[in-house]
Amino acid sequence: MKRKGQHFLLSAKARSFSIVEIFRLSDDEAFQLFKESRWSDTDGKPVCTRCGVVDNCSWLRTRKQWRCKDCNYTFSVTSGTIFANHKLPLRVYLAAIALYSNAAKGLSSLQMSRDLNVQYKTAFVLMHKLRESLQDKRHDKLEGEIEMDAAYVNGHVRPINRIENRKDLRLAKHRNPKKRAVITMRQRGNPGEGANKTLSFVAKSENQTTIKKLADNHIATGSTVFADEHSAYNVLHGQFPTMRVNHRSIYSGPNGENTNQAESFFSRFRRMHLGQVHKMGNLYLDRYANEIAYREDTRRRSNGDIFSDIVGRCAQSPVSKDLCGYWQGNKPAKENLMI
């Protein structure tokens, strides 16, 4: 890692970073790293966050801020980003991103608070800001061979102690109303590569209306869909070439009829749920699912590459409407559900 006036650039040289090096960054080096990531299109030259003028500002050295000469607006390297109004040094946020990048199956807020020596509340909001930065706009449709599957979470109902008082949990009226279906759509890559693009969604159940809506919005015409025997996917026949596998009798058919990549997504998702965070509130369930989608899509990339990508995403993400003032009561009004 380059030191003493030389920049720690977000380039191929940074892809072999170690967490120790990130923790050893000085405040000035962390500032320079975030600055070059924030304004990568202008080679690190500051851009006024109000009027958009490039590199026409005066540097306020004691405050580490700029003042635009056109509109007289004062801004910092984090103004207008997800880290706006931050209280901790930038190197702490970069250390958090480094720890987050290394966690193959996610990281709990409690673990992050211990590693960074900050309050749990601070780590909780920071982790959700990182997850928010990973959410893509999902404009591009999946194409080629697409696997679809779903898994249910938050549906456990603790049985009543005495057997004579227990209810039939197979009936809808006795089920947990917080139960949600996490639906994944994975685009297969070249043979032997697994999936290369993953989308995740949250719905109240795995039904034909939801599956039809997802397929219309996110699967390109002519693609082949792979699904299991669930009746929700019957609606896809006639719209897409659809190959089904009956998991009651076989896991993989002779012509590639399987949902192994979707199962791989849920394998990592379950390990994060049960082994790391333990509890996922429905209010942010879509962000947890999207985090695993990101980890699946970047599983073959180096730690430094993932670190650089997340830093860039944080630098380009706008101020969070849901997490700014979270512990003062500013929370999402409702969960992000498909149907």
Protein backbone atom coordinates (compact mmCIF):
# COMPACT_ATOMS: atom_id res chain seq x y z
CA MET A 1 0.00 0.00 0.00
CA LYS A 2 1.32 3.45 -0.90
CA ARG A 3 1.94 5.90 1.95
CA LYS A 4 3.10 9.45 2.73
CA GLY A 5 1.57 11.62 0.07
CA GLN A 6 0.94 8.81 -2.40
CA HIS A 7 -2.67 7.85 -2.90
CA PHE A 8 -4.18 4.52 -1.95
CA LEU A 9 -6.09 4.32 -5.22
CA LEU A 10 -9.13 2.18 -5.99
CA SER A 11 -7.39 0.27 -8.74
CA ALA A 12 -6.13 -3.21 -9.43
CA LYS A 13 -3.30 -2.57 -6.96
CA ALA A 14 -5.84 -2.28 -4.16
CA ARG A 15 -7.34 -5.68 -4.87
CA SER A 16 -4.69 -7.49 -2.84
CA PHE A 17 -5.37 -5.41 0.25
CA SER A 18 -5.36 -6.82 3.76
CA ILE A 19 -7.74 -5.72 6.49
CA VAL A 20 -4.72 -4.75 8.60
CA GLU A 21 -3.73 -2.20 5.95
CA ILE A 22 -7.22 -0.70 5.92
CA PHE A 23 -7.18 -0.35 9.70
CA ARG A 24 -3.81 1.37 9.48
CA LEU A 25 -5.00 4.07 7.11
CA SER A 26 -4.51 7.58 8.41
CA ASP A 27 -7.39 10.08 8.38
CA ASP A 28 -5.83 11.88 5.40
CA GLU A 29 -5.42 8.67 3.40
CA ALA A 30 -9.00 7.62 4.15
CA PHE A 31 -10.19 11.06 3.07
CA GLN A 32 -8.22 10.83 -0.19
CA LEU A 33 -9.52 7.33 -0.92
CA PHE A 34 -13.15 8.33 -0.43
CA LYS A 35 -12.61 11.54 -2.43
CA GLU A 36 -11.24 9.68 -5.45
CA SER A 37 -14.03 7.14 -5.23
CA ARG A 38 -16.72 9.80 -4.90
CA TRP A 39 -15.55 11.79 -7.92
CA SER A 40 -13.97 9.05 -10.01
CA ASP A 41 -15.41 10.53 -13.24
CA THR A 42 -13.46 13.76 -12.69
CA ASP A 43 -10.22 12.14 -11.46
CA GLY A 44 -10.92 13.18 -7.88
CA LYS A 45 -11.72 16.82 -8.66
CA PRO A 46 -14.56 17.97 -6.38
CA VAL A 47 -17.97 18.64 -7.88
CA CYS A 48 -20.36 21.03 -6.15
CA THR A 49 -23.27 19.01 -4.82
CA ARG A 50 -25.67 21.92 -5.38
CA CYS A 51 -24.87 23.44 -8.80
CA GLY A 52 -22.68 20.66 -10.27
CA VAL A 53 -19.71 22.87 -11.21
CA VAL A 54 -16.47 20.88 -11.43
CA ASP A 55 -13.32 21.97 -9.62
CA ASN A 56 -14.28 25.60 -9.12
CA CYS A 57 -14.16 25.88 -5.36
CA SER A 58 -11.89 27.00 -2.57
CA TRP A 59 -10.47 24.52 -0.05
CA LEU A 60 -11.22 25.16 3.62
CA ARG A 61 -8.25 23.37 5.13
CA THR A 62 -9.23 23.54 8.79
CA ARG A 63 -12.71 22.13 8.08
CA LYS A 64 -11.77 19.74 5.25
CA GLN A 65 -14.56 21.17 3.15
CA TRP A 66 -14.95 23.05 -0.12
CA ARG A 67 -16.82 26.26 -0.87
CA CYS A 68 -18.18 26.62 -4.39
CA LYS A 69 -17.20 29.90 -6.08
CA ASP A 70 -20.34 29.86 -8.23
CA CYS A 71 -23.11 29.33 -5.68
CA ASN A 72 -21.16 29.86 -2.44
CA TYR A 73 -22.30 26.45 -1.15
CA THR A 74 -20.10 24.65 1.37
CA PHE A 75 -19.84 20.88 1.02
CA SER A 76 -17.69 18.00 2.20
CA VAL A 77 -16.50 14.74 0.69
CA THR A 78 -19.55 12.95 2.12
CA SER A 79 -22.20 15.63 1.42
CA GLY A 80 -25.14 14.13 -0.43
CA THR A 81 -23.91 10.56 0.12
CA ILE A 82 -25.09 7.77 2.37
CA PHE A 83 -22.44 8.86 4.91
CA ALA A 84 -23.61 12.48 5.06
CA ASN A 85 -23.46 14.06 8.54
CA HIS A 86 -21.20 11.25 9.74
CA LYS A 87 -19.85 11.44 13.27
CA LEU A 88 -17.05 8.85 13.10
CA PRO A 89 -13.76 9.26 11.20
CA LEU A 90 -13.85 8.08 7.60
CA ARG A 91 -11.24 5.41 8.31
CA VAL A 92 -13.72 3.72 10.67
CA TYR A 93 -16.28 3.51 7.86
CA LEU A 94 -13.66 2.10 5.51
CA ALA A 95 -12.69 -0.47 8.15
CA ALA A 96 -16.37 -1.42 8.43
CA ILE A 97 -16.55 -1.91 4.64
CA ALA A 98 -13.40 -4.06 4.76
CA LEU A 99 -14.93 -6.30 7.45
CA TYR A 100 -18.19 -6.40 5.53
CA SER A 101 -16.40 -7.39 2.31
CA ASN A 102 -14.64 -10.30 4.00
CA ALA A 103 -17.82 -11.81 5.47
CA ALA A 104 -18.84 -14.51 2.98
CA LYS A 105 -22.15 -15.16 4.76
CA GLY A 106 -22.92 -11.74 6.14
CA LEU A 107 -22.08 -10.06 9.41
CA SER A 108 -24.22 -9.18 12.41
CA SER A 109 -24.47 -5.67 13.80
CA LEU A 110 -23.36 -6.95 17.19
CA GLN A 111 -20.18 -8.42 15.70
CA MET A 112 -19.51 -5.18 13.82
CA SER A 113 -19.96 -3.13 16.99
CA ARG A 114 -17.39 -5.29 18.77
CA ASP A 115 -14.89 -5.18 15.92
CA LEU A 116 -15.10 -1.40 15.58
CA ASN A 117 -15.59 -0.68 19.29
CA VAL A 118 -18.73 1.38 18.66
CA GLN A 119 -22.25 1.22 20.07
CA TYR A 120 -24.65 -1.39 18.75
CA LYS A 121 -26.96 1.37 17.49
CA THR A 122 -24.14 2.86 15.43
CA ALA A 123 -23.24 -0.52 13.92
CA PHE A 124 -26.89 -1.35 13.21
CA VAL A 125 -27.48 1.79 11.14
CA LEU A 126 -24.09 1.49 9.45
CA MET A 127 -24.77 -2.09 8.37
CA HIS A 128 -28.14 -1.17 6.92
CA LYS A 129 -26.57 1.75 5.05
CA LEU A 130 -24.10 -0.66 3.48
CA ARG A 131 -26.97 -2.94 2.49
CA GLU A 132 -28.84 0.02 1.03
CA SER A 133 -25.85 0.92 -1.13
CA LEU A 134 -25.94 -2.58 -2.67
CA GLN A 135 -29.47 -2.24 -3.99
CA ASP A 136 -29.50 -1.89 -7.77
CA LYS A 137 -32.26 -0.33 -9.84
CA ARG A 138 -32.78 -3.64 -11.68
CA HIS A 139 -33.45 -2.13 -15.10
CA ASP A 140 -31.77 -4.88 -17.13
CA LYS A 141 -33.80 -8.04 -17.68
CA LEU A 142 -32.39 -11.50 -17.11
CA GLU A 143 -31.90 -13.54 -20.25
CA GLY A 144 -30.81 -16.99 -21.32
CA GLU A 145 -31.46 -19.68 -18.74
CA ILE A 146 -33.20 -18.40 -15.61
CA GLU A 147 -33.86 -20.32 -12.40
CA MET A 148 -36.70 -19.33 -10.08
CA ASP A 149 -37.45 -20.58 -6.58
CA ALA A 150 -38.69 -19.36 -3.21
CA ALA A 151 -38.12 -20.00 0.49
CA TYR A 152 -40.18 -18.98 3.49
CA VAL A 153 -38.85 -17.11 6.53
CA ASN A 154 -40.27 -15.71 9.79
CA GLY A 155 -43.04 -18.29 9.82
CA HIS A 156 -42.16 -20.28 12.92
CA VAL A 157 -44.94 -20.71 15.47
CA ARG A 158 -43.88 -22.02 18.86
CA PRO A 159 -46.05 -25.03 19.74
CA ILE A 160 -48.15 -24.80 22.88
CA ASN A 161 -46.80 -26.92 25.73
CA ARG A 162 -49.73 -29.24 26.36
CA ILE A 163 -50.78 -31.40 23.41
CA GLU A 164 -54.49 -30.99 24.04
CA ASN A 165 -54.15 -27.21 23.59
CA ARG A 166 -52.16 -27.33 20.35
CA LYS A 167 -53.63 -26.08 17.06
CA ASP A 168 -53.28 -27.43 13.55
CA LEU A 169 -50.56 -25.19 12.12
CA ARG A 170 -51.32 -26.44 8.61
CA LEU A 171 -54.40 -24.20 8.59
CA ALA A 172 -53.89 -20.66 7.31
CA LYS A 173 -55.68 -19.08 10.27
CA HIS A 174 -53.15 -20.57 12.69
CA ARG A 175 -50.02 -19.54 10.76
CA ASN A 176 -47.70 -16.70 11.66
CA PRO A 177 -48.92 -13.52 9.87
CA LYS A 178 -45.28 -12.35 9.62
CA LYS A 179 -44.39 -15.26 7.35
CA ARG A 180 -42.82 -14.08 4.08
CA ALA A 181 -41.56 -15.69 0.88
CA VAL A 182 -38.14 -14.72 -0.44
CA ILE A 183 -38.14 -15.29 -4.20
CA THR A 184 -34.92 -15.46 -6.18
CA MET A 185 -34.28 -15.29 -9.92
CA ARG A 186 -30.82 -16.38 -11.10
CA GLN A 187 -29.34 -16.12 -14.57
CA ARG A 188 -27.08 -19.01 -15.46
CA GLY A 189 -23.63 -18.24 -16.83
CA ASN A 190 -21.39 -20.37 -19.00
CA PRO A 191 -21.19 -24.08 -18.18
CA GLY A 192 -19.21 -24.56 -14.99
CA GLU A 193 -19.53 -20.93 -13.89
CA GLY A 194 -22.82 -21.16 -12.04
CA ALA A 195 -25.08 -18.11 -11.95
CA ASN A 196 -23.77 -14.65 -12.83
CA LYS A 197 -26.71 -12.39 -12.04
CA THR A 198 -29.18 -12.65 -9.18
CA LEU A 199 -32.36 -10.79 -8.26
CA SER A 200 -34.31 -11.23 -5.03
CA PHE A 201 -37.78 -10.16 -3.96
CA VAL A 202 -40.07 -10.50 -0.95
CA ALA A 203 -43.73 -11.45 -1.16
CA LYS A 204 -46.39 -12.71 1.22
CA SER A 205 -46.55 -16.03 -0.58
CA GLU A 206 -45.31 -17.95 -3.61
CA ASN A 207 -48.32 -17.61 -5.91
CA GLN A 208 -49.08 -17.32 -9.61
CA THR A 209 -49.86 -13.60 -9.52
CA THR A 210 -46.48 -12.75 -8.01
CA ILE A 211 -44.54 -15.12 -10.27
CA LYS A 212 -46.28 -13.74 -13.38
CA LYS A 213 -45.48 -10.16 -12.37
CA LEU A 214 -41.82 -10.93 -11.70
CA ALA A 215 -41.45 -12.82 -14.98
CA ASP A 216 -43.03 -10.00 -16.99
CA ASN A 217 -40.82 -7.35 -15.43
CA HIS A 218 -37.48 -9.13 -15.14
CA ILE A 219 -37.18 -11.92 -17.73
CA ALA A 220 -36.42 -11.20 -21.38
CA THR A 221 -38.57 -12.74 -24.08
CA GLY A 222 -37.19 -16.04 -25.37
CA SER A 223 -35.48 -16.98 -22.12
CA THR A 224 -35.83 -20.48 -20.69
CA VAL A 225 -37.14 -20.71 -17.13
CA PHE A 226 -36.24 -23.53 -14.74
CA ALA A 227 -38.52 -24.11 -11.75
CA ASP A 228 -39.68 -26.86 -9.40
CA GLU A 229 -43.07 -28.57 -9.19
CA HIS A 230 -44.83 -25.77 -7.26
CA SER A 231 -48.10 -24.82 -8.93
CA ALA A 232 -47.19 -21.10 -8.83
CA TYR A 233 -44.92 -21.63 -11.84
CA ASN A 234 -47.65 -23.18 -14.00
CA VAL A 235 -48.47 -19.68 -15.20
CA LEU A 236 -45.13 -19.45 -17.02
CA HIS A 237 -45.97 -22.20 -19.51
CA GLY A 238 -46.92 -20.69 -22.83
CA GLN A 239 -45.08 -17.44 -22.10
CA PHE A 240 -41.57 -18.89 -21.76
CA PRO A 241 -39.99 -22.25 -22.54
CA THR A 242 -40.27 -23.75 -19.05
CA MET A 243 -38.46 -26.79 -17.70
CA ARG A 244 -39.67 -28.26 -14.40
CA VAL A 245 -38.10 -30.64 -11.90
CA ASN A 246 -40.12 -32.59 -9.35
CA HIS A 247 -38.03 -32.50 -6.18
CA ARG A 248 -40.18 -35.20 -4.62
CA SER A 249 -38.57 -37.73 -6.93
CA ILE A 250 -35.43 -36.15 -8.36
CA TYR A 251 -33.15 -33.16 -7.75
CA SER A 252 -31.72 -32.84 -11.25
CA GLY A 253 -33.12 -34.08 -14.55
CA PRO A 254 -31.19 -35.49 -17.51
CA ASN A 255 -31.62 -32.32 -19.60
CA GLY A 256 -30.47 -29.83 -16.98
CA GLU A 257 -33.83 -29.50 -15.25
CA ASN A 258 -32.77 -28.24 -11.84
CA THR A 259 -32.78 -25.19 -9.62
CA ASN A 260 -29.36 -25.78 -8.09
CA GLN A 261 -28.25 -22.16 -8.41
CA ALA A 262 -31.38 -20.93 -6.67
CA GLU A 263 -30.78 -23.50 -3.92
CA SER A 264 -27.22 -22.19 -3.60
CA PHE A 265 -28.63 -18.71 -2.99
CA PHE A 266 -30.91 -20.00 -0.24
CA SER A 267 -28.09 -22.04 1.30
CA ARG A 268 -26.06 -18.87 1.85
CA PHE A 269 -29.17 -16.95 2.90
CA ARG A 270 -30.07 -19.51 5.58
CA ARG A 271 -26.52 -19.49 6.93
CA MET A 272 -26.63 -15.71 7.28
CA HIS A 273 -30.06 -15.89 8.90
CA LEU A 274 -29.37 -18.68 11.39
CA GLY A 275 -25.63 -18.24 11.93
CA GLN A 276 -25.11 -14.49 11.83
CA VAL A 277 -28.02 -12.10 12.25
CA HIS A 278 -30.44 -14.66 13.82
CA LYS A 279 -33.43 -12.37 13.32
CA MET A 280 -34.58 -10.54 10.19
CA GLY A 281 -37.38 -8.04 10.56
CA ASN A 282 -39.80 -7.93 7.63
CA LEU A 283 -39.21 -4.19 7.34
CA TYR A 284 -35.70 -4.83 6.00
CA LEU A 285 -36.03 -8.39 4.74
CA ASP A 286 -35.61 -7.32 1.11
CA ARG A 287 -32.24 -5.74 1.98
CA TYR A 288 -30.96 -8.88 3.65
CA ALA A 289 -32.00 -10.92 0.61
CA ASN A 290 -30.39 -8.44 -1.77
CA GLU A 291 -27.17 -8.60 0.25
CA ILE A 292 -26.96 -12.34 -0.37
CA ALA A 293 -27.72 -11.76 -4.06
CA TYR A 294 -24.75 -9.38 -4.18
CA ARG A 295 -22.49 -11.83 -2.35
CA GLU A 296 -23.49 -14.62 -4.73
CA ASP A 297 -22.78 -12.48 -7.80
CA THR A 298 -19.36 -11.37 -6.45
CA ARG A 299 -18.31 -14.73 -5.00
CA ARG A 300 -15.46 -15.14 -7.53
CA ARG A 301 -14.09 -11.62 -7.12
CA SER A 302 -11.21 -10.74 -4.81
CA ASN A 303 -11.74 -9.10 -1.42
CA GLY A 304 -10.05 -5.92 -2.60
CA ASP A 305 -12.26 -5.75 -5.67
CA ILE A 306 -15.40 -6.15 -3.55
CA PHE A 307 -14.08 -3.55 -1.08
CA SER A 308 -13.45 -1.07 -3.90
CA ASP A 309 -16.88 -1.69 -5.37
CA ILE A 310 -18.73 -1.15 -2.07
CA VAL A 311 -16.74 2.02 -1.30
CA GLY A 312 -17.69 3.32 -4.74
CA ARG A 313 -21.35 2.43 -4.18
CA CYS A 314 -21.39 4.20 -0.80
CA ALA A 315 -19.76 7.28 -2.35
CA GLN A 316 -22.38 7.39 -5.12
CA SER A 317 -25.46 6.52 -3.03
CA PRO A 318 -27.67 9.46 -1.97
CA VAL A 319 -28.59 10.31 1.60
CA SER A 320 -30.74 7.56 3.09
CA LYS A 321 -34.32 8.62 3.72
CA ASP A 322 -35.00 5.61 5.92
CA LEU A 323 -31.85 5.52 8.05
CA CYS A 324 -31.04 9.19 8.63
CA GLY A 325 -32.37 9.72 12.16
CA TYR A 326 -33.33 6.05 12.53
CA TRP A 327 -33.05 5.93 16.32
CA GLN A 328 -35.10 9.12 16.55
CA GLY A 329 -38.04 7.35 14.93
CA ASN A 330 -37.40 7.84 11.20
CA LYS A 331 -38.13 4.38 9.78
CA PRO A 332 -39.71 3.07 6.56
CA ALA A 333 -43.48 3.41 6.62
CA LYS A 334 -43.98 -0.11 5.26
CA GLU A 335 -42.04 -3.12 4.08
CA ASN A 336 -41.05 -3.54 0.44
CA LEU A 337 -43.39 -6.27 -0.79
CA MET A 338 -44.13 -7.42 -4.32
CA ILE A 339 -47.73 -8.45 -3.58
